[in-house]
Amino acid sequence: MGKKFSKVFHKKFGQHLRALRLERGLTQEALSLEIGTDNSYISNIENARNDIPLSRINQIAKALKIEPYKLLKF
């Protein structure tokens, strides 16, 4: 049960991140560069292939110019 719930959460998080990124007119590559990761990092998060640590959530929020909790509010 835990793994299935986790996948659902990660999928919803990724969809929400994609929507926020697109609202700001950023490509996956541009956001990756902003937070100092390789090009595939954001794609992997948006497609629920990677877990994401809190430190990265904070970095992504800063790059999107939002408060970190807004990334988790979906």
PDB file of N, CA and C in Angstrom:
ATOM      1  N   MET A   1       0.818  -1.201   0.000  1.00  0.00           N
ATOM      2  CA  MET A   1       0.000   0.000   0.000  1.00  0.00           C
ATOM      3  C   MET A   1       0.855   1.255   0.000  1.00  0.00           C
ATOM      4  N   GLY A   2       1.919   1.277   0.779  1.00  0.00           N
ATOM      5  CA  GLY A   2       2.765   2.457   0.874  1.00  0.00           C
ATOM      6  C   GLY A   2       3.384   2.848  -0.454  1.00  0.00           C
ATOM      7  N   LYS A   3       3.835   1.858  -1.212  1.00  0.00           N
ATOM      8  CA  LYS A   3       4.468   2.134  -2.498  1.00  0.00           C
ATOM      9  C   LYS A   3       3.466   2.708  -3.492  1.00  0.00           C
ATOM     10  N   LYS A   4       2.262   2.166  -3.528  1.00  0.00           N
ATOM     11  CA  LYS A   4       1.236   2.664  -4.434  1.00  0.00           C
ATOM     12  C   LYS A   4       0.859   4.095  -4.064  1.00  0.00           C
ATOM     13  N   PHE A   5       0.680   4.373  -2.789  1.00  0.00           N
ATOM     14  CA  PHE A   5       0.359   5.721  -2.352  1.00  0.00           C
ATOM     15  C   PHE A   5       1.470   6.680  -2.746  1.00  0.00           C
ATOM     16  N   SER A   6       2.712   6.252  -2.548  1.00  0.00           N
ATOM     17  CA  SER A   6       3.855   7.081  -2.882  1.00  0.00           C
ATOM     18  C   SER A   6       3.847   7.424  -4.366  1.00  0.00           C
ATOM     19  N   LYS A   7       3.570   6.465  -5.224  1.00  0.00           N
ATOM     20  CA  LYS A   7       3.553   6.706  -6.664  1.00  0.00           C
ATOM     21  C   LYS A   7       2.451   7.703  -7.029  1.00  0.00           C
ATOM     22  N   VAL A   8       1.295   7.575  -6.413  1.00  0.00           N
ATOM     23  CA  VAL A   8       0.194   8.500  -6.669  1.00  0.00           C
ATOM     24  C   VAL A   8       0.598   9.908  -6.228  1.00  0.00           C
ATOM     25  N   PHE A   9       1.196  10.012  -5.049  1.00  0.00           N
ATOM     26  CA  PHE A   9       1.643  11.310  -4.546  1.00  0.00           C
ATOM     27  C   PHE A   9       2.672  11.918  -5.494  1.00  0.00           C
ATOM     28  N   HIS A  10       3.653  11.117  -5.905  1.00  0.00           N
ATOM     29  CA  HIS A  10       4.697  11.627  -6.788  1.00  0.00           C
ATOM     30  C   HIS A  10       4.131  12.056  -8.141  1.00  0.00           C
ATOM     31  N   LYS A  11       3.146  11.337  -8.621  1.00  0.00           N
ATOM     32  CA  LYS A  11       2.515  11.703  -9.891  1.00  0.00           C
ATOM     33  C   LYS A  11       1.789  13.041  -9.761  1.00  0.00           C
ATOM     34  N   LYS A  12       1.030  13.208  -8.686  1.00  0.00           N
ATOM     35  CA  LYS A  12       0.315  14.471  -8.469  1.00  0.00           C
ATOM     36  C   LYS A  12       1.292  15.626  -8.266  1.00  0.00           C
ATOM     37  N   PHE A  13       2.367  15.359  -7.513  1.00  0.00           N
ATOM     38  CA  PHE A  13       3.376  16.389  -7.298  1.00  0.00           C
ATOM     39  C   PHE A  13       3.988  16.800  -8.632  1.00  0.00           C
ATOM     40  N   GLY A  14       4.339  15.829  -9.456  1.00  0.00           N
ATOM     41  CA  GLY A  14       4.934  16.116 -10.758  1.00  0.00           C
ATOM     42  C   GLY A  14       4.020  16.915 -11.665  1.00  0.00           C
ATOM     43  N   GLN A  15       2.745  16.576 -11.671  1.00  0.00           N
ATOM     44  CA  GLN A  15       1.775  17.321 -12.483  1.00  0.00           C
ATOM     45  C   GLN A  15       1.657  18.766 -11.993  1.00  0.00           C
ATOM     46  N   HIS A  16       1.655  18.920 -10.686  1.00  0.00           N
ATOM     47  CA  HIS A  16       1.555  20.254 -10.098  1.00  0.00           C
ATOM     48  C   HIS A  16       2.809  21.073 -10.421  1.00  0.00           C
ATOM     49  N   LEU A  17       3.970  20.458 -10.281  1.00  0.00           N
ATOM     50  CA  LEU A  17       5.223  21.141 -10.613  1.00  0.00           C
ATOM     51  C   LEU A  17       5.211  21.576 -12.070  1.00  0.00           C
ATOM     52  N   ARG A  18       4.798  20.698 -12.965  1.00  0.00           N
ATOM     53  CA  ARG A  18       4.741  21.033 -14.397  1.00  0.00           C
ATOM     54  C   ARG A  18       3.846  22.245 -14.634  1.00  0.00           C
ATOM     55  N   ALA A  19       2.677  22.256 -14.005  1.00  0.00           N
ATOM     56  CA  ALA A  19       1.751  23.375 -14.182  1.00  0.00           C
ATOM     57  C   ALA A  19       2.372  24.683 -13.685  1.00  0.00           C
ATOM     58  N   LEU A  20       3.005  24.655 -12.522  1.00  0.00           N
ATOM     59  CA  LEU A  20       3.640  25.858 -11.979  1.00  0.00           C
ATOM     60  C   LEU A  20       4.792  26.325 -12.868  1.00  0.00           C
ATOM     61  N   ARG A  21       5.563  25.392 -13.357  1.00  0.00           N
ATOM     62  CA  ARG A  21       6.693  25.719 -14.232  1.00  0.00           C
ATOM     63  C   ARG A  21       6.208  26.374 -15.519  1.00  0.00           C
ATOM     64  N   LEU A  22       5.175  25.790 -16.120  1.00  0.00           N
ATOM     65  CA  LEU A  22       4.642  26.333 -17.367  1.00  0.00           C
ATOM     66  C   LEU A  22       3.995  27.699 -17.164  1.00  0.00           C
ATOM     67  N   GLU A  23       3.329  27.901 -16.022  1.00  0.00           N
ATOM     68  CA  GLU A  23       2.746  29.212 -15.706  1.00  0.00           C
ATOM     69  C   GLU A  23       3.808  30.305 -15.725  1.00  0.00           C
ATOM     70  N   ARG A  24       5.016  29.937 -15.345  1.00  0.00           N
ATOM     71  CA  ARG A  24       6.113  30.901 -15.285  1.00  0.00           C
ATOM     72  C   ARG A  24       6.934  30.933 -16.567  1.00  0.00           C
ATOM     73  N   GLY A  25       6.513  30.155 -17.555  1.00  0.00           N
ATOM     74  CA  GLY A  25       7.176  30.167 -18.850  1.00  0.00           C
ATOM     75  C   GLY A  25       8.564  29.553 -18.853  1.00  0.00           C
ATOM     76  N   LEU A  26       8.809  28.619 -17.945  1.00  0.00           N
ATOM     77  CA  LEU A  26      10.115  27.971 -17.860  1.00  0.00           C
ATOM     78  C   LEU A  26      10.089  26.603 -18.526  1.00  0.00           C
ATOM     79  N   THR A  27      11.170  26.277 -19.213  1.00  0.00           N
ATOM     80  CA  THR A  27      11.336  24.926 -19.728  1.00  0.00           C
ATOM     81  C   THR A  27      11.905  24.060 -18.612  1.00  0.00           C
ATOM     82  N   GLN A  28      11.855  22.752 -18.819  1.00  0.00           N
ATOM     83  CA  GLN A  28      12.487  21.845 -17.854  1.00  0.00           C
ATOM     84  C   GLN A  28      13.978  22.133 -17.763  1.00  0.00           C
ATOM     85  N   GLU A  29      14.582  22.395 -18.890  1.00  0.00           N
ATOM     86  CA  GLU A  29      16.012  22.684 -18.919  1.00  0.00           C
ATOM     87  C   GLU A  29      16.342  23.952 -18.133  1.00  0.00           C
ATOM     88  N   ALA A  30      15.556  24.999 -18.329  1.00  0.00           N
ATOM     89  CA  ALA A  30      15.811  26.261 -17.624  1.00  0.00           C
ATOM     90  C   ALA A  30      15.676  26.080 -16.114  1.00  0.00           C
ATOM     91  N   LEU A  31      14.650  25.345 -15.683  1.00  0.00           N
ATOM     92  CA  LEU A  31      14.472  25.106 -14.255  1.00  0.00           C
ATOM     93  C   LEU A  31      15.609  24.253 -13.703  1.00  0.00           C
ATOM     94  N   SER A  32      16.019  23.253 -14.452  1.00  0.00           N
ATOM     95  CA  SER A  32      17.148  22.420 -14.031  1.00  0.00           C
ATOM     96  C   SER A  32      18.407  23.258 -13.846  1.00  0.00           C
ATOM     97  N   LEU A  33      18.660  24.151 -14.780  1.00  0.00           N
ATOM     98  CA  LEU A  33      19.832  25.022 -14.676  1.00  0.00           C
ATOM     99  C   LEU A  33      19.745  25.930 -13.450  1.00  0.00           C
ATOM    100  N   GLU A  34      18.546  26.431 -13.172  1.00  0.00           N
ATOM    101  CA  GLU A  34      18.335  27.307 -12.009  1.00  0.00           C
ATOM    102  C   GLU A  34      18.694  26.622 -10.699  1.00  0.00           C
ATOM    103  N   ILE A  35      18.427  25.327 -10.627  1.00  0.00           N
ATOM    104  CA  ILE A  35      18.686  24.626  -9.363  1.00  0.00           C
ATOM    105  C   ILE A  35      19.975  23.800  -9.405  1.00  0.00           C
ATOM    106  N   GLY A  36      20.704  23.898 -10.513  1.00  0.00           N
ATOM    107  CA  GLY A  36      22.005  23.247 -10.606  1.00  0.00           C
ATOM    108  C   GLY A  36      21.979  21.743 -10.792  1.00  0.00           C
ATOM    109  N   THR A  37      21.030  21.255 -11.589  1.00  0.00           N
ATOM    110  CA  THR A  37      20.957  19.813 -11.868  1.00  0.00           C
ATOM    111  C   THR A  37      21.036  19.578 -13.370  1.00  0.00           C
ATOM    112  N   ASP A  38      21.118  18.308 -13.757  1.00  0.00           N
ATOM    113  CA  ASP A  38      21.152  18.001 -15.183  1.00  0.00           C
ATOM    114  C   ASP A  38      19.752  18.142 -15.790  1.00  0.00           C
ATOM    115  N   ASN A  39      19.713  18.164 -17.106  1.00  0.00           N
ATOM    116  CA  ASN A  39      18.466  18.434 -17.835  1.00  0.00           C
ATOM    117  C   ASN A  39      17.334  17.454 -17.546  1.00  0.00           C
ATOM    118  N   SER A  40      17.672  16.217 -17.255  1.00  0.00           N
ATOM    119  CA  SER A  40      16.632  15.205 -17.066  1.00  0.00           C
ATOM    120  C   SER A  40      16.012  15.222 -15.662  1.00  0.00           C
ATOM    121  N   TYR A  41      16.593  15.954 -14.740  1.00  0.00           N
ATOM    122  CA  TYR A  41      16.135  15.922 -13.347  1.00  0.00           C
ATOM    123  C   TYR A  41      14.667  16.344 -13.213  1.00  0.00           C
ATOM    124  N   ILE A  42      14.314  17.479 -13.783  1.00  0.00           N
ATOM    125  CA  ILE A  42      12.934  17.966 -13.685  1.00  0.00           C
ATOM    126  C   ILE A  42      11.980  17.031 -14.421  1.00  0.00           C
ATOM    127  N   SER A  43      12.387  16.529 -15.567  1.00  0.00           N
ATOM    128  CA  SER A  43      11.562  15.573 -16.298  1.00  0.00           C
ATOM    129  C   SER A  43      11.269  14.347 -15.448  1.00  0.00           C
ATOM    130  N   ASN A  44      12.287  13.832 -14.776  1.00  0.00           N
ATOM    131  CA  ASN A  44      12.101  12.652 -13.930  1.00  0.00           C
ATOM    132  C   ASN A  44      11.153  12.920 -12.770  1.00  0.00           C
ATOM    133  N   ILE A  45      11.195  14.103 -12.215  1.00  0.00           N
ATOM    134  CA  ILE A  45      10.269  14.448 -11.134  1.00  0.00           C
ATOM    135  C   ILE A  45       8.857  14.596 -11.686  1.00  0.00           C
ATOM    136  N   GLU A  46       8.721  15.328 -12.777  1.00  0.00           N
ATOM    137  CA  GLU A  46       7.392  15.561 -13.353  1.00  0.00           C
ATOM    138  C   GLU A  46       6.733  14.264 -13.824  1.00  0.00           C
ATOM    139  N   ASN A  47       7.531  13.280 -14.164  1.00  0.00           N
ATOM    140  CA  ASN A  47       6.992  11.995 -14.626  1.00  0.00           C
ATOM    141  C   ASN A  47       7.025  10.918 -13.548  1.00  0.00           C
ATOM    142  N   ALA A  48       7.172  11.335 -12.306  1.00  0.00           N
ATOM    143  CA  ALA A  48       7.108  10.461 -11.129  1.00  0.00           C
ATOM    144  C   ALA A  48       8.124   9.329 -11.175  1.00  0.00           C
ATOM    145  N   ARG A  49       9.311   9.616 -11.702  1.00  0.00           N
ATOM    146  CA  ARG A  49      10.373   8.617 -11.750  1.00  0.00           C
ATOM    147  C   ARG A  49      11.387   8.798 -10.624  1.00  0.00           C
ATOM    148  N   ASN A  50      11.395   9.956  -9.998  1.00  0.00           N
ATOM    149  CA  ASN A  50      12.363  10.244  -8.936  1.00  0.00           C
ATOM    150  C   ASN A  50      11.653  10.717  -7.682  1.00  0.00           C
ATOM    151  N   ASP A  51      12.217  10.345  -6.565  1.00  0.00           N
ATOM    152  CA  ASP A  51      11.816  10.937  -5.297  1.00  0.00           C
ATOM    153  C   ASP A  51      12.494  12.298  -5.235  1.00  0.00           C
ATOM    154  N   ILE A  52      12.018  13.170  -4.370  1.00  0.00           N
ATOM    155  CA  ILE A  52      12.595  14.503  -4.294  1.00  0.00           C
ATOM    156  C   ILE A  52      12.824  14.881  -2.836  1.00  0.00           C
ATOM    157  N   PRO A  53      14.053  15.212  -2.475  1.00  0.00           N
ATOM    158  CA  PRO A  53      14.330  15.608  -1.089  1.00  0.00           C
ATOM    159  C   PRO A  53      13.820  17.019  -0.794  1.00  0.00           C
ATOM    160  N   LEU A  54      13.610  17.278   0.474  1.00  0.00           N
ATOM    161  CA  LEU A  54      13.118  18.597   0.888  1.00  0.00           C
ATOM    162  C   LEU A  54      14.039  19.723   0.449  1.00  0.00           C
ATOM    163  N   SER A  55      15.328  19.488   0.456  1.00  0.00           N
ATOM    164  CA  SER A  55      16.266  20.538   0.037  1.00  0.00           C
ATOM    165  C   SER A  55      16.020  20.932  -1.424  1.00  0.00           C
ATOM    166  N   ARG A  56      15.677  19.978  -2.274  1.00  0.00           N
ATOM    167  CA  ARG A  56      15.374  20.289  -3.676  1.00  0.00           C
ATOM    168  C   ARG A  56      14.041  21.005  -3.805  1.00  0.00           C
ATOM    169  N   ILE A  57      13.075  20.633  -2.976  1.00  0.00           N
ATOM    170  CA  ILE A  57      11.792  21.334  -2.998  1.00  0.00           C
ATOM    171  C   ILE A  57      12.025  22.813  -2.705  1.00  0.00           C
ATOM    172  N   ASN A  58      12.874  23.090  -1.736  1.00  0.00           N
ATOM    173  CA  ASN A  58      13.189  24.469  -1.394  1.00  0.00           C
ATOM    174  C   ASN A  58      13.866  25.181  -2.566  1.00  0.00           C
ATOM    175  N   GLN A  59      14.816  24.529  -3.222  1.00  0.00           N
ATOM    176  CA  GLN A  59      15.507  25.123  -4.368  1.00  0.00           C
ATOM    177  C   GLN A  59      14.547  25.392  -5.529  1.00  0.00           C
ATOM    178  N   ILE A  60      13.683  24.435  -5.801  1.00  0.00           N
ATOM    179  CA  ILE A  60      12.708  24.604  -6.887  1.00  0.00           C
ATOM    180  C   ILE A  60      11.759  25.753  -6.567  1.00  0.00           C
ATOM    181  N   ALA A  61      11.303  25.827  -5.333  1.00  0.00           N
ATOM    182  CA  ALA A  61      10.401  26.912  -4.932  1.00  0.00           C
ATOM    183  C   ALA A  61      11.072  28.270  -5.131  1.00  0.00           C
ATOM    184  N   LYS A  62      12.315  28.390  -4.734  1.00  0.00           N
ATOM    185  CA  LYS A  62      13.043  29.652  -4.933  1.00  0.00           C
ATOM    186  C   LYS A  62      13.146  29.991  -6.417  1.00  0.00           C
ATOM    187  N   ALA A  63      13.440  28.989  -7.238  1.00  0.00           N
ATOM    188  CA  ALA A  63      13.558  29.215  -8.676  1.00  0.00           C
ATOM    189  C   ALA A  63      12.221  29.632  -9.290  1.00  0.00           C
ATOM    190  N   LEU A  64      11.124  29.111  -8.746  1.00  0.00           N
ATOM    191  CA  LEU A  64       9.785  29.468  -9.240  1.00  0.00           C
ATOM    192  C   LEU A  64       9.243  30.732  -8.573  1.00  0.00           C
ATOM    193  N   LYS A  65       9.995  31.239  -7.590  1.00  0.00           N
ATOM    194  CA  LYS A  65       9.612  32.443  -6.832  1.00  0.00           C
ATOM    195  C   LYS A  65       8.285  32.248  -6.086  1.00  0.00           C
ATOM    196  N   ILE A  66       8.196  31.082  -5.414  1.00  0.00           N
ATOM    197  CA  ILE A  66       7.028  30.782  -4.584  1.00  0.00           C
ATOM    198  C   ILE A  66       7.522  30.234  -3.247  1.00  0.00           C
ATOM    199  N   GLU A  67       6.627  30.175  -2.289  1.00  0.00           N
ATOM    200  CA  GLU A  67       6.927  29.554  -1.001  1.00  0.00           C
ATOM    201  C   GLU A  67       6.927  28.032  -1.187  1.00  0.00           C
ATOM    202  N   PRO A  68       7.815  27.322  -0.511  1.00  0.00           N
ATOM    203  CA  PRO A  68       7.906  25.862  -0.686  1.00  0.00           C
ATOM    204  C   PRO A  68       6.588  25.119  -0.465  1.00  0.00           C
ATOM    205  N   TYR A  69       5.780  25.575   0.489  1.00  0.00           N
ATOM    206  CA  TYR A  69       4.519  24.855   0.755  1.00  0.00           C
ATOM    207  C   TYR A  69       3.592  24.849  -0.461  1.00  0.00           C
ATOM    208  N   LYS A  70       3.724  25.837  -1.341  1.00  0.00           N
ATOM    209  CA  LYS A  70       2.851  25.888  -2.514  1.00  0.00           C
ATOM    210  C   LYS A  70       3.140  24.745  -3.488  1.00  0.00           C
ATOM    211  N   LEU A  71       4.339  24.196  -3.437  1.00  0.00           N
ATOM    212  CA  LEU A  71       4.629  23.032  -4.273  1.00  0.00           C
ATOM    213  C   LEU A  71       3.892  21.793  -3.776  1.00  0.00           C
ATOM    214  N   LEU A  72       3.562  21.790  -2.498  1.00  0.00           N
ATOM    215  CA  LEU A  72       2.891  20.630  -1.901  1.00  0.00           C
ATOM    216  C   LEU A  72       1.389  20.827  -1.771  1.00  0.00           C
ATOM    217  N   LYS A  73       0.905  21.960  -2.221  1.00  0.00           N
ATOM    218  CA  LYS A  73      -0.530  22.265  -2.110  1.00  0.00           C
ATOM    219  C   LYS A  73      -1.209  21.970  -3.441  1.00  0.00           C
ATOM    220  N   PHE A  74      -1.695  20.730  -3.567  1.00  0.00           N
ATOM    221  CA  PHE A  74      -2.374  20.326  -4.804  1.00  0.00           C
ATOM    222  C   PHE A  74      -3.549  19.442  -4.487  1.00  0.00           C
TER     223      PHE A  74
END
